[in-house]
Amino acid sequence: MSGKERVPGLFVVISVASVLVVCAGLRAFRIGGLPLWVDEVFSLNVAHQDSISDWLRYQIHDANPPLSYLALKAWLLLGDGTKHLRMLPLLFSLLASVALFFIARSLCGFWVGLFALAIFALHPFAIYYGREIRHPIMSAFFALPLLYAFVQILQGRRFLPYLMYFHLRCAAVVDALL
């Protein structure tokens, strides 16, 4: 098997969806019973700030990019229970998993992509950070599409990956400067 051969679309959907269900299940297991860590409470304090001066006062003591706090602030508009708050990193973890699958599939084929997806779904650090209300899994999610666009450029694709890469780089720079 070369890894670049054609795999039926229905099989792709069913196998990727199955791994994503396992990924979501591992991250959601007893998610409401986990206590908040100090750094998660800090993230919530930053996200609850309404004025820019208050927000910057917290941001001075934290080197994390502010885009994750803005996403958390938007998520807080939908609810604020511990279980609800932990669903945001779970969502980003699932999206990062899908992005990882597409990157590995474009580089090495379907089977390697599925294997990479399975490793990410089962890896203890990925599970841990996929449940924590902090920036690492959000940063991973935002970095993976950038990597995918770069891979597409290296593979000789024309206009769209350049546009995607440019916009994602600009967003990353703006996020770092805020």
N, C-alpha and C. Protein backbone atom coordinates (compact mmCIF):
# COMPACT_ATOMS: atom_id res chain seq x y z
N MET A 1 0.82 -1.18 0.00
CA MET A 1 0.00 0.00 0.00
C MET A 1 0.87 1.25 0.00
N SER A 2 0.62 2.15 -0.91
CA SER A 2 1.47 3.32 -1.06
C SER A 2 1.08 4.48 -0.16
N GLY A 3 -0.16 4.52 0.31
CA GLY A 3 -0.61 5.62 1.16
C GLY A 3 -1.25 6.73 0.38
N LYS A 4 -1.01 6.83 -0.92
CA LYS A 4 -1.59 7.87 -1.75
C LYS A 4 -2.73 7.34 -2.61
N GLU A 5 -3.15 6.09 -2.38
CA GLU A 5 -4.20 5.53 -3.21
C GLU A 5 -5.57 6.07 -2.79
N ARG A 6 -6.51 5.90 -3.65
CA ARG A 6 -7.86 6.42 -3.45
C ARG A 6 -8.61 5.58 -2.42
N VAL A 7 -9.20 6.26 -1.43
CA VAL A 7 -10.00 5.60 -0.40
C VAL A 7 -11.43 6.09 -0.59
N PRO A 8 -12.42 5.18 -0.53
CA PRO A 8 -13.82 5.59 -0.71
C PRO A 8 -14.24 6.67 0.29
N GLY A 9 -14.99 7.64 -0.20
CA GLY A 9 -15.38 8.79 0.61
C GLY A 9 -16.17 8.42 1.85
N LEU A 10 -17.08 7.49 1.73
CA LEU A 10 -17.88 7.08 2.88
C LEU A 10 -16.99 6.45 3.96
N PHE A 11 -16.01 5.68 3.55
CA PHE A 11 -15.08 5.08 4.51
C PHE A 11 -14.27 6.16 5.23
N VAL A 12 -13.86 7.19 4.49
CA VAL A 12 -13.12 8.30 5.09
C VAL A 12 -13.97 8.98 6.15
N VAL A 13 -15.21 9.28 5.80
CA VAL A 13 -16.10 9.98 6.74
C VAL A 13 -16.36 9.14 7.97
N ILE A 14 -16.66 7.86 7.79
CA ILE A 14 -16.97 6.99 8.93
C ILE A 14 -15.75 6.80 9.82
N SER A 15 -14.59 6.57 9.25
CA SER A 15 -13.41 6.34 10.07
C SER A 15 -12.97 7.60 10.81
N VAL A 16 -12.99 8.75 10.15
CA VAL A 16 -12.60 10.00 10.81
C VAL A 16 -13.63 10.34 11.89
N ALA A 17 -14.91 10.19 11.59
CA ALA A 17 -15.95 10.47 12.58
C ALA A 17 -15.83 9.55 13.79
N SER A 18 -15.49 8.30 13.56
CA SER A 18 -15.33 7.35 14.68
C SER A 18 -14.19 7.78 15.60
N VAL A 19 -13.08 8.16 15.01
CA VAL A 19 -11.94 8.60 15.84
C VAL A 19 -12.29 9.90 16.56
N LEU A 20 -13.02 10.80 15.90
CA LEU A 20 -13.42 12.04 16.56
C LEU A 20 -14.39 11.80 17.71
N VAL A 21 -15.24 10.80 17.59
CA VAL A 21 -16.15 10.46 18.70
C VAL A 21 -15.34 9.97 19.89
N VAL A 22 -14.34 9.13 19.64
CA VAL A 22 -13.46 8.67 20.72
C VAL A 22 -12.71 9.86 21.32
N CYS A 23 -12.22 10.74 20.47
CA CYS A 23 -11.50 11.94 20.92
C CYS A 23 -12.39 12.79 21.82
N ALA A 24 -13.62 13.04 21.39
CA ALA A 24 -14.55 13.84 22.19
C ALA A 24 -14.92 13.14 23.49
N GLY A 25 -15.12 11.83 23.41
CA GLY A 25 -15.48 11.08 24.61
C GLY A 25 -14.40 11.10 25.66
N LEU A 26 -13.15 10.94 25.25
CA LEU A 26 -12.04 10.97 26.21
C LEU A 26 -11.90 12.34 26.85
N ARG A 27 -12.14 13.38 26.09
CA ARG A 27 -12.00 14.73 26.63
C ARG A 27 -13.21 15.12 27.48
N ALA A 28 -14.38 14.57 27.18
CA ALA A 28 -15.60 14.92 27.91
C ALA A 28 -15.82 14.06 29.15
N PHE A 29 -15.06 13.00 29.32
CA PHE A 29 -15.24 12.10 30.46
C PHE A 29 -15.06 12.85 31.77
N ARG A 30 -16.11 12.90 32.57
CA ARG A 30 -16.12 13.59 33.87
C ARG A 30 -15.65 15.03 33.78
N ILE A 31 -15.99 15.69 32.71
CA ILE A 31 -15.50 17.06 32.50
C ILE A 31 -16.10 18.06 33.48
N GLY A 32 -17.32 17.80 33.93
CA GLY A 32 -17.96 18.72 34.87
C GLY A 32 -17.43 18.61 36.29
N GLY A 33 -16.78 17.51 36.63
CA GLY A 33 -16.28 17.30 37.98
C GLY A 33 -14.86 17.76 38.22
N LEU A 34 -14.21 18.27 37.19
CA LEU A 34 -12.83 18.72 37.34
C LEU A 34 -12.78 20.10 38.00
N PRO A 35 -11.94 20.28 39.02
CA PRO A 35 -11.82 21.61 39.62
C PRO A 35 -11.05 22.54 38.69
N LEU A 36 -11.27 23.84 38.86
CA LEU A 36 -10.54 24.83 38.07
C LEU A 36 -9.16 25.05 38.69
N TRP A 37 -8.14 25.07 37.83
CA TRP A 37 -6.79 25.37 38.28
C TRP A 37 -6.62 26.88 38.38
N VAL A 38 -5.56 27.30 39.05
CA VAL A 38 -5.31 28.74 39.24
C VAL A 38 -5.15 29.44 37.90
N ASP A 39 -4.44 28.84 36.96
CA ASP A 39 -4.25 29.51 35.67
C ASP A 39 -5.56 29.57 34.88
N GLU A 40 -6.46 28.63 35.09
CA GLU A 40 -7.77 28.70 34.44
C GLU A 40 -8.61 29.82 35.04
N VAL A 41 -8.54 29.99 36.36
CA VAL A 41 -9.25 31.10 37.01
C VAL A 41 -8.68 32.43 36.53
N PHE A 42 -7.36 32.48 36.35
CA PHE A 42 -6.73 33.68 35.81
C PHE A 42 -7.27 33.98 34.40
N SER A 43 -7.39 32.96 33.57
CA SER A 43 -7.95 33.14 32.23
C SER A 43 -9.37 33.68 32.30
N LEU A 44 -10.16 33.15 33.21
CA LEU A 44 -11.54 33.63 33.37
C LEU A 44 -11.56 35.07 33.85
N ASN A 45 -10.65 35.43 34.77
CA ASN A 45 -10.58 36.82 35.23
C ASN A 45 -10.25 37.77 34.09
N VAL A 46 -9.32 37.38 33.24
CA VAL A 46 -8.97 38.21 32.09
C VAL A 46 -10.17 38.32 31.14
N ALA A 47 -10.84 37.21 30.90
CA ALA A 47 -11.97 37.22 29.97
C ALA A 47 -13.15 38.03 30.50
N HIS A 48 -13.28 38.15 31.82
CA HIS A 48 -14.40 38.91 32.42
C HIS A 48 -14.16 40.41 32.41
N GLN A 49 -12.96 40.87 32.07
CA GLN A 49 -12.67 42.30 32.08
C GLN A 49 -13.43 43.00 30.95
N ASP A 50 -14.00 44.15 31.28
CA ASP A 50 -14.77 44.89 30.28
C ASP A 50 -14.03 46.09 29.72
N SER A 51 -13.16 46.69 30.50
CA SER A 51 -12.43 47.85 30.00
C SER A 51 -11.05 47.42 29.51
N ILE A 52 -10.54 48.14 28.55
CA ILE A 52 -9.24 47.81 27.98
C ILE A 52 -8.13 47.99 29.01
N SER A 53 -8.24 49.00 29.85
CA SER A 53 -7.19 49.21 30.86
C SER A 53 -7.14 48.05 31.86
N ASP A 54 -8.30 47.54 32.27
CA ASP A 54 -8.30 46.38 33.18
C ASP A 54 -7.74 45.15 32.48
N TRP A 55 -8.11 44.99 31.23
CA TRP A 55 -7.64 43.84 30.47
C TRP A 55 -6.12 43.90 30.29
N LEU A 56 -5.60 45.07 29.98
CA LEU A 56 -4.16 45.22 29.80
C LEU A 56 -3.40 45.02 31.10
N ARG A 57 -4.01 45.38 32.22
CA ARG A 57 -3.37 45.17 33.52
C ARG A 57 -3.10 43.67 33.74
N TYR A 58 -4.06 42.82 33.38
CA TYR A 58 -3.85 41.38 33.46
C TYR A 58 -2.87 40.91 32.39
N GLN A 59 -2.98 41.46 31.21
CA GLN A 59 -2.18 41.02 30.07
C GLN A 59 -0.69 41.28 30.28
N ILE A 60 -0.35 42.29 31.05
CA ILE A 60 1.05 42.60 31.33
C ILE A 60 1.72 41.43 32.05
N HIS A 61 0.98 40.74 32.89
CA HIS A 61 1.53 39.64 33.68
C HIS A 61 1.41 38.29 32.98
N ASP A 62 0.91 38.29 31.76
CA ASP A 62 0.68 37.03 31.06
C ASP A 62 1.23 37.14 29.65
N ALA A 63 2.02 36.17 29.25
CA ALA A 63 2.64 36.20 27.92
C ALA A 63 1.80 35.49 26.87
N ASN A 64 0.62 35.06 27.22
CA ASN A 64 -0.21 34.32 26.27
C ASN A 64 -0.88 35.27 25.29
N PRO A 65 -1.09 34.82 24.05
CA PRO A 65 -1.73 35.68 23.06
C PRO A 65 -3.18 35.97 23.43
N PRO A 66 -3.65 37.17 23.15
CA PRO A 66 -4.98 37.58 23.60
C PRO A 66 -6.14 36.97 22.82
N LEU A 67 -5.90 36.38 21.67
CA LEU A 67 -7.00 35.82 20.89
C LEU A 67 -7.74 34.74 21.66
N SER A 68 -7.04 33.96 22.46
CA SER A 68 -7.71 32.92 23.25
C SER A 68 -8.62 33.54 24.30
N TYR A 69 -8.21 34.68 24.86
CA TYR A 69 -9.06 35.35 25.83
C TYR A 69 -10.30 35.94 25.16
N LEU A 70 -10.14 36.43 23.95
CA LEU A 70 -11.30 36.95 23.23
C LEU A 70 -12.28 35.83 22.88
N ALA A 71 -11.74 34.68 22.49
CA ALA A 71 -12.62 33.52 22.22
C ALA A 71 -13.33 33.09 23.49
N LEU A 72 -12.62 33.09 24.61
CA LEU A 72 -13.23 32.72 25.89
C LEU A 72 -14.29 33.73 26.29
N LYS A 73 -14.02 35.00 26.06
CA LYS A 73 -15.01 36.04 26.39
C LYS A 73 -16.28 35.85 25.56
N ALA A 74 -16.13 35.53 24.29
CA ALA A 74 -17.31 35.27 23.45
C ALA A 74 -18.04 34.01 23.92
N TRP A 75 -17.28 32.99 24.33
CA TRP A 75 -17.90 31.75 24.82
C TRP A 75 -18.67 31.99 26.12
N LEU A 76 -18.19 32.93 26.95
CA LEU A 76 -18.85 33.24 28.22
C LEU A 76 -20.23 33.85 28.00
N LEU A 77 -20.46 34.42 26.83
CA LEU A 77 -21.78 34.97 26.53
C LEU A 77 -22.85 33.88 26.44
N LEU A 78 -22.42 32.65 26.18
CA LEU A 78 -23.36 31.53 26.04
C LEU A 78 -23.63 30.81 27.37
N GLY A 79 -22.84 31.07 28.39
CA GLY A 79 -23.00 30.42 29.69
C GLY A 79 -21.69 30.42 30.44
N ASP A 80 -21.74 30.05 31.74
CA ASP A 80 -20.48 30.08 32.48
C ASP A 80 -20.32 28.96 33.50
N GLY A 81 -21.02 27.87 33.38
CA GLY A 81 -20.78 26.73 34.25
C GLY A 81 -19.45 26.07 33.91
N THR A 82 -18.86 25.37 34.86
CA THR A 82 -17.56 24.74 34.63
C THR A 82 -17.61 23.78 33.45
N LYS A 83 -18.68 22.99 33.38
CA LYS A 83 -18.80 22.04 32.28
C LYS A 83 -18.90 22.78 30.94
N HIS A 84 -19.67 23.85 30.91
CA HIS A 84 -19.80 24.65 29.69
C HIS A 84 -18.47 25.28 29.30
N LEU A 85 -17.75 25.81 30.28
CA LEU A 85 -16.47 26.47 29.99
C LEU A 85 -15.45 25.48 29.43
N ARG A 86 -15.47 24.27 29.92
CA ARG A 86 -14.51 23.27 29.44
C ARG A 86 -14.88 22.72 28.05
N MET A 87 -16.06 23.03 27.57
CA MET A 87 -16.45 22.59 26.23
C MET A 87 -15.73 23.40 25.14
N LEU A 88 -15.32 24.62 25.46
CA LEU A 88 -14.60 25.43 24.47
C LEU A 88 -13.26 24.79 24.09
N PRO A 89 -12.39 24.42 25.05
CA PRO A 89 -11.16 23.75 24.63
C PRO A 89 -11.43 22.39 23.98
N LEU A 90 -12.49 21.71 24.40
CA LEU A 90 -12.84 20.44 23.76
C LEU A 90 -13.17 20.67 22.29
N LEU A 91 -13.92 21.73 22.01
CA LEU A 91 -14.25 22.07 20.63
C LEU A 91 -13.00 22.40 19.83
N PHE A 92 -12.11 23.20 20.39
CA PHE A 92 -10.86 23.53 19.71
C PHE A 92 -9.99 22.30 19.51
N SER A 93 -10.03 21.37 20.46
CA SER A 93 -9.27 20.14 20.34
C SER A 93 -9.78 19.29 19.18
N LEU A 94 -11.09 19.22 19.02
CA LEU A 94 -11.67 18.47 17.90
C LEU A 94 -11.32 19.14 16.57
N LEU A 95 -11.38 20.46 16.52
CA LEU A 95 -11.04 21.18 15.30
C LEU A 95 -9.55 21.02 14.96
N ALA A 96 -8.70 21.04 15.99
CA ALA A 96 -7.27 20.82 15.77
C ALA A 96 -7.03 19.41 15.26
N SER A 97 -7.79 18.44 15.75
CA SER A 97 -7.66 17.06 15.29
C SER A 97 -7.97 16.95 13.80
N VAL A 98 -9.04 17.61 13.38
CA VAL A 98 -9.42 17.57 11.97
C VAL A 98 -8.34 18.24 11.11
N ALA A 99 -7.83 19.37 11.57
CA ALA A 99 -6.76 20.06 10.84
C ALA A 99 -5.51 19.17 10.73
N LEU A 100 -5.18 18.49 11.81
CA LEU A 100 -4.04 17.58 11.81
C LEU A 100 -4.25 16.45 10.80
N PHE A 101 -5.45 15.92 10.75
CA PHE A 101 -5.76 14.86 9.79
C PHE A 101 -5.52 15.34 8.36
N PHE A 102 -6.02 16.54 8.03
CA PHE A 102 -5.87 17.05 6.67
C PHE A 102 -4.40 17.30 6.32
N ILE A 103 -3.62 17.78 7.28
CA ILE A 103 -2.20 18.01 7.01
C ILE A 103 -1.49 16.69 6.73
N ALA A 104 -1.70 15.72 7.61
CA ALA A 104 -1.03 14.42 7.43
C ALA A 104 -1.52 13.73 6.16
N ARG A 105 -2.80 13.86 5.85
CA ARG A 105 -3.33 13.23 4.63
C ARG A 105 -2.74 13.88 3.38
N SER A 106 -2.59 15.20 3.40
CA SER A 106 -2.03 15.86 2.22
C SER A 106 -0.55 15.54 2.04
N LEU A 107 0.15 15.25 3.13
CA LEU A 107 1.57 14.92 3.03
C LEU A 107 1.81 13.45 2.70
N CYS A 108 1.07 12.56 3.36
CA CYS A 108 1.41 11.12 3.28
C CYS A 108 0.25 10.21 2.94
N GLY A 109 -0.94 10.73 2.75
CA GLY A 109 -2.06 9.89 2.40
C GLY A 109 -3.03 9.67 3.56
N PHE A 110 -4.12 8.99 3.22
CA PHE A 110 -5.21 8.80 4.17
C PHE A 110 -4.79 8.03 5.41
N TRP A 111 -4.10 6.91 5.25
CA TRP A 111 -3.79 6.05 6.39
C TRP A 111 -2.88 6.74 7.39
N VAL A 112 -1.93 7.51 6.93
CA VAL A 112 -1.06 8.26 7.84
C VAL A 112 -1.87 9.36 8.53
N GLY A 113 -2.77 10.00 7.78
CA GLY A 113 -3.63 11.01 8.38
C GLY A 113 -4.52 10.43 9.48
N LEU A 114 -5.08 9.26 9.21
CA LEU A 114 -5.92 8.60 10.21
C LEU A 114 -5.09 8.19 11.43
N PHE A 115 -3.87 7.72 11.20
CA PHE A 115 -2.99 7.34 12.30
C PHE A 115 -2.62 8.56 13.15
N ALA A 116 -2.30 9.68 12.49
CA ALA A 116 -1.99 10.92 13.22
C ALA A 116 -3.19 11.38 14.04
N LEU A 117 -4.37 11.28 13.45
CA LEU A 117 -5.59 11.65 14.15
C LEU A 117 -5.80 10.76 15.37
N ALA A 118 -5.58 9.46 15.22
CA ALA A 118 -5.75 8.53 16.34
C ALA A 118 -4.73 8.80 17.45
N ILE A 119 -3.50 9.09 17.07
CA ILE A 119 -2.48 9.40 18.09
C ILE A 119 -2.88 10.65 18.86
N PHE A 120 -3.33 11.68 18.15
CA PHE A 120 -3.74 12.92 18.82
C PHE A 120 -4.96 12.68 19.70
N ALA A 121 -5.88 11.84 19.25
CA ALA A 121 -7.09 11.55 20.04
C ALA A 121 -6.76 10.85 21.34
N LEU A 122 -5.73 10.00 21.33
CA LEU A 122 -5.41 9.17 22.50
C LEU A 122 -4.27 9.70 23.35
N HIS A 123 -3.55 10.70 22.88
CA HIS A 123 -2.37 11.17 23.60
C HIS A 123 -2.77 11.87 24.91
N PRO A 124 -2.14 11.50 26.02
CA PRO A 124 -2.53 12.08 27.32
C PRO A 124 -2.40 13.60 27.40
N PHE A 125 -1.34 14.17 26.82
CA PHE A 125 -1.20 15.63 26.85
C PHE A 125 -2.29 16.31 26.02
N ALA A 126 -2.62 15.73 24.88
CA ALA A 126 -3.68 16.30 24.05
C ALA A 126 -5.02 16.22 24.77
N ILE A 127 -5.25 15.14 25.49
CA ILE A 127 -6.49 15.02 26.27
C ILE A 127 -6.50 16.06 27.39
N TYR A 128 -5.39 16.19 28.09
CA TYR A 128 -5.30 17.14 29.20
C TYR A 128 -5.54 18.57 28.71
N TYR A 129 -4.81 18.99 27.68
CA TYR A 129 -4.96 20.35 27.19
C TYR A 129 -6.27 20.56 26.44
N GLY A 130 -6.88 19.49 25.99
CA GLY A 130 -8.19 19.58 25.35
C GLY A 130 -9.31 19.78 26.34
N ARG A 131 -8.99 19.79 27.63
CA ARG A 131 -9.98 19.99 28.68
C ARG A 131 -9.70 21.24 29.51
N GLU A 132 -8.55 21.84 29.33
CA GLU A 132 -8.13 22.96 30.17
C GLU A 132 -8.51 24.29 29.53
N ILE A 133 -9.05 25.19 30.33
CA ILE A 133 -9.49 26.50 29.84
C ILE A 133 -8.28 27.43 29.77
N ARG A 134 -7.40 27.15 28.86
CA ARG A 134 -6.20 27.94 28.65
C ARG A 134 -5.90 28.00 27.16
N HIS A 135 -4.82 28.61 26.82
CA HIS A 135 -4.51 28.89 25.42
C HIS A 135 -3.83 27.77 24.62
N PRO A 136 -3.17 26.75 25.18
CA PRO A 136 -2.38 25.85 24.33
C PRO A 136 -3.16 25.16 23.21
N ILE A 137 -4.34 24.65 23.48
CA ILE A 137 -5.07 23.94 22.43
C ILE A 137 -5.62 24.93 21.41
N MET A 138 -5.96 26.15 21.85
CA MET A 138 -6.41 27.16 20.90
C MET A 138 -5.27 27.59 20.00
N SER A 139 -4.09 27.74 20.58
CA SER A 139 -2.92 28.10 19.77
C SER A 139 -2.59 27.00 18.78
N ALA A 140 -2.73 25.75 19.21
CA ALA A 140 -2.48 24.63 18.30
C ALA A 140 -3.48 24.65 17.16
N PHE A 141 -4.73 24.93 17.46
CA PHE A 141 -5.74 24.98 16.41
C PHE A 141 -5.43 26.08 15.40
N PHE A 142 -5.02 27.25 15.87
CA PHE A 142 -4.72 28.35 14.95
C PHE A 142 -3.42 28.12 14.19
N ALA A 143 -2.50 27.36 14.75
CA ALA A 143 -1.23 27.08 14.07
C ALA A 143 -1.37 26.02 12.98
N LEU A 144 -2.25 25.06 13.17
CA LEU A 144 -2.37 23.95 12.22
C LEU A 144 -2.87 24.39 10.83
N PRO A 145 -3.89 25.26 10.72
CA PRO A 145 -4.25 25.72 9.37
C PRO A 145 -3.13 26.50 8.68
N LEU A 146 -2.34 27.20 9.47
CA LEU A 146 -1.18 27.89 8.90
C LEU A 146 -0.19 26.89 8.34
N LEU A 147 0.05 25.82 9.07
CA LEU A 147 0.93 24.75 8.59
C LEU A 147 0.34 24.09 7.35
N TYR A 148 -0.96 23.88 7.33
CA TYR A 148 -1.62 23.27 6.17
C TYR A 148 -1.45 24.14 4.93
N ALA A 149 -1.64 25.46 5.08
CA ALA A 149 -1.45 26.36 3.95
C ALA A 149 0.00 26.32 3.46
N PHE A 150 0.94 26.27 4.38
CA PHE A 150 2.34 26.20 4.01
C PHE A 150 2.66 24.92 3.26
N VAL A 151 2.09 23.80 3.70
CA VAL A 151 2.28 22.52 3.01
C VAL A 151 1.71 22.58 1.60
N GLN A 152 0.55 23.21 1.47
CA GLN A 152 -0.06 23.35 0.14
C GLN A 152 0.82 24.19 -0.78
N ILE A 153 1.44 25.22 -0.24
CA ILE A 153 2.35 26.05 -1.03
C ILE A 153 3.55 25.22 -1.48
N LEU A 154 4.11 24.43 -0.55
CA LEU A 154 5.26 23.58 -0.89
C LEU A 154 4.92 22.53 -1.93
N GLN A 155 3.67 22.10 -1.97
CA GLN A 155 3.25 21.10 -2.93
C GLN A 155 2.91 21.71 -4.30
N GLY A 156 3.09 23.01 -4.42
CA GLY A 156 2.93 23.64 -5.72
C GLY A 156 1.54 24.18 -6.01
N ARG A 157 0.69 24.25 -5.02
CA ARG A 157 -0.63 24.83 -5.25
C ARG A 157 -0.46 26.31 -5.56
N ARG A 158 -1.43 26.88 -6.20
CA ARG A 158 -1.25 28.26 -6.66
C ARG A 158 -1.78 29.30 -5.69
N PHE A 159 -2.87 29.94 -5.99
CA PHE A 159 -3.28 31.19 -5.35
C PHE A 159 -3.88 31.02 -3.96
N LEU A 160 -4.83 30.13 -3.79
CA LEU A 160 -5.58 30.05 -2.53
C LEU A 160 -4.71 29.78 -1.31
N PRO A 161 -3.75 28.84 -1.35
CA PRO A 161 -2.90 28.65 -0.16
C PRO A 161 -2.07 29.88 0.20
N TYR A 162 -1.62 30.64 -0.81
CA TYR A 162 -0.87 31.86 -0.53
C TYR A 162 -1.76 32.86 0.19
N LEU A 163 -2.98 33.00 -0.28
CA LEU A 163 -3.93 33.92 0.35
C LEU A 163 -4.24 33.47 1.78
N MET A 164 -4.47 32.18 1.96
CA MET A 164 -4.76 31.63 3.28
C MET A 164 -3.57 31.83 4.21
N TYR A 165 -2.37 31.54 3.73
CA TYR A 165 -1.17 31.69 4.54
C TYR A 165 -0.97 33.15 4.93
N PHE A 166 -1.15 34.07 3.99
CA PHE A 166 -0.98 35.49 4.26
C PHE A 166 -1.95 35.97 5.34
N HIS A 167 -3.22 35.59 5.21
CA HIS A 167 -4.22 36.03 6.19
C HIS A 167 -3.97 35.42 7.57
N LEU A 168 -3.59 34.16 7.62
CA LEU A 168 -3.31 33.53 8.90
C LEU A 168 -2.07 34.12 9.55
N ARG A 169 -1.04 34.44 8.78
CA ARG A 169 0.16 35.07 9.33
C ARG A 169 -0.17 36.46 9.86
N CYS A 170 -0.97 37.21 9.11
CA CYS A 170 -1.36 38.55 9.59
C CYS A 170 -2.15 38.45 10.89
N ALA A 171 -3.06 37.48 10.98
CA ALA A 171 -3.82 37.30 12.22
C ALA A 171 -2.90 36.91 13.37
N ALA A 172 -1.90 36.09 13.12
CA ALA A 172 -0.97 35.67 14.16
C ALA A 172 -0.12 36.87 14.62
N VAL A 173 0.29 37.71 13.70
CA VAL A 173 1.08 38.89 14.05
C VAL A 173 0.25 39.86 14.87
N VAL A 174 -0.99 40.11 14.43
CA VAL A 174 -1.87 41.01 15.19
C VAL A 174 -2.13 40.45 16.58
N ASP A 175 -2.35 39.13 16.67
CA ASP A 175 -2.58 38.52 17.96
C ASP A 175 -1.36 38.66 18.87
N ALA A 176 -0.18 38.53 18.31
CA ALA A 176 1.04 38.66 19.11
C ALA A 176 1.29 40.11 19.54
N LEU A 177 0.86 41.07 18.72
CA LEU A 177 1.10 42.47 19.04
C LEU A 177 0.11 43.03 20.05
N LEU A 178 -1.07 42.43 20.15
CA LEU A 178 -2.07 42.96 21.09
C LEU A 178 -1.66 42.80 22.53
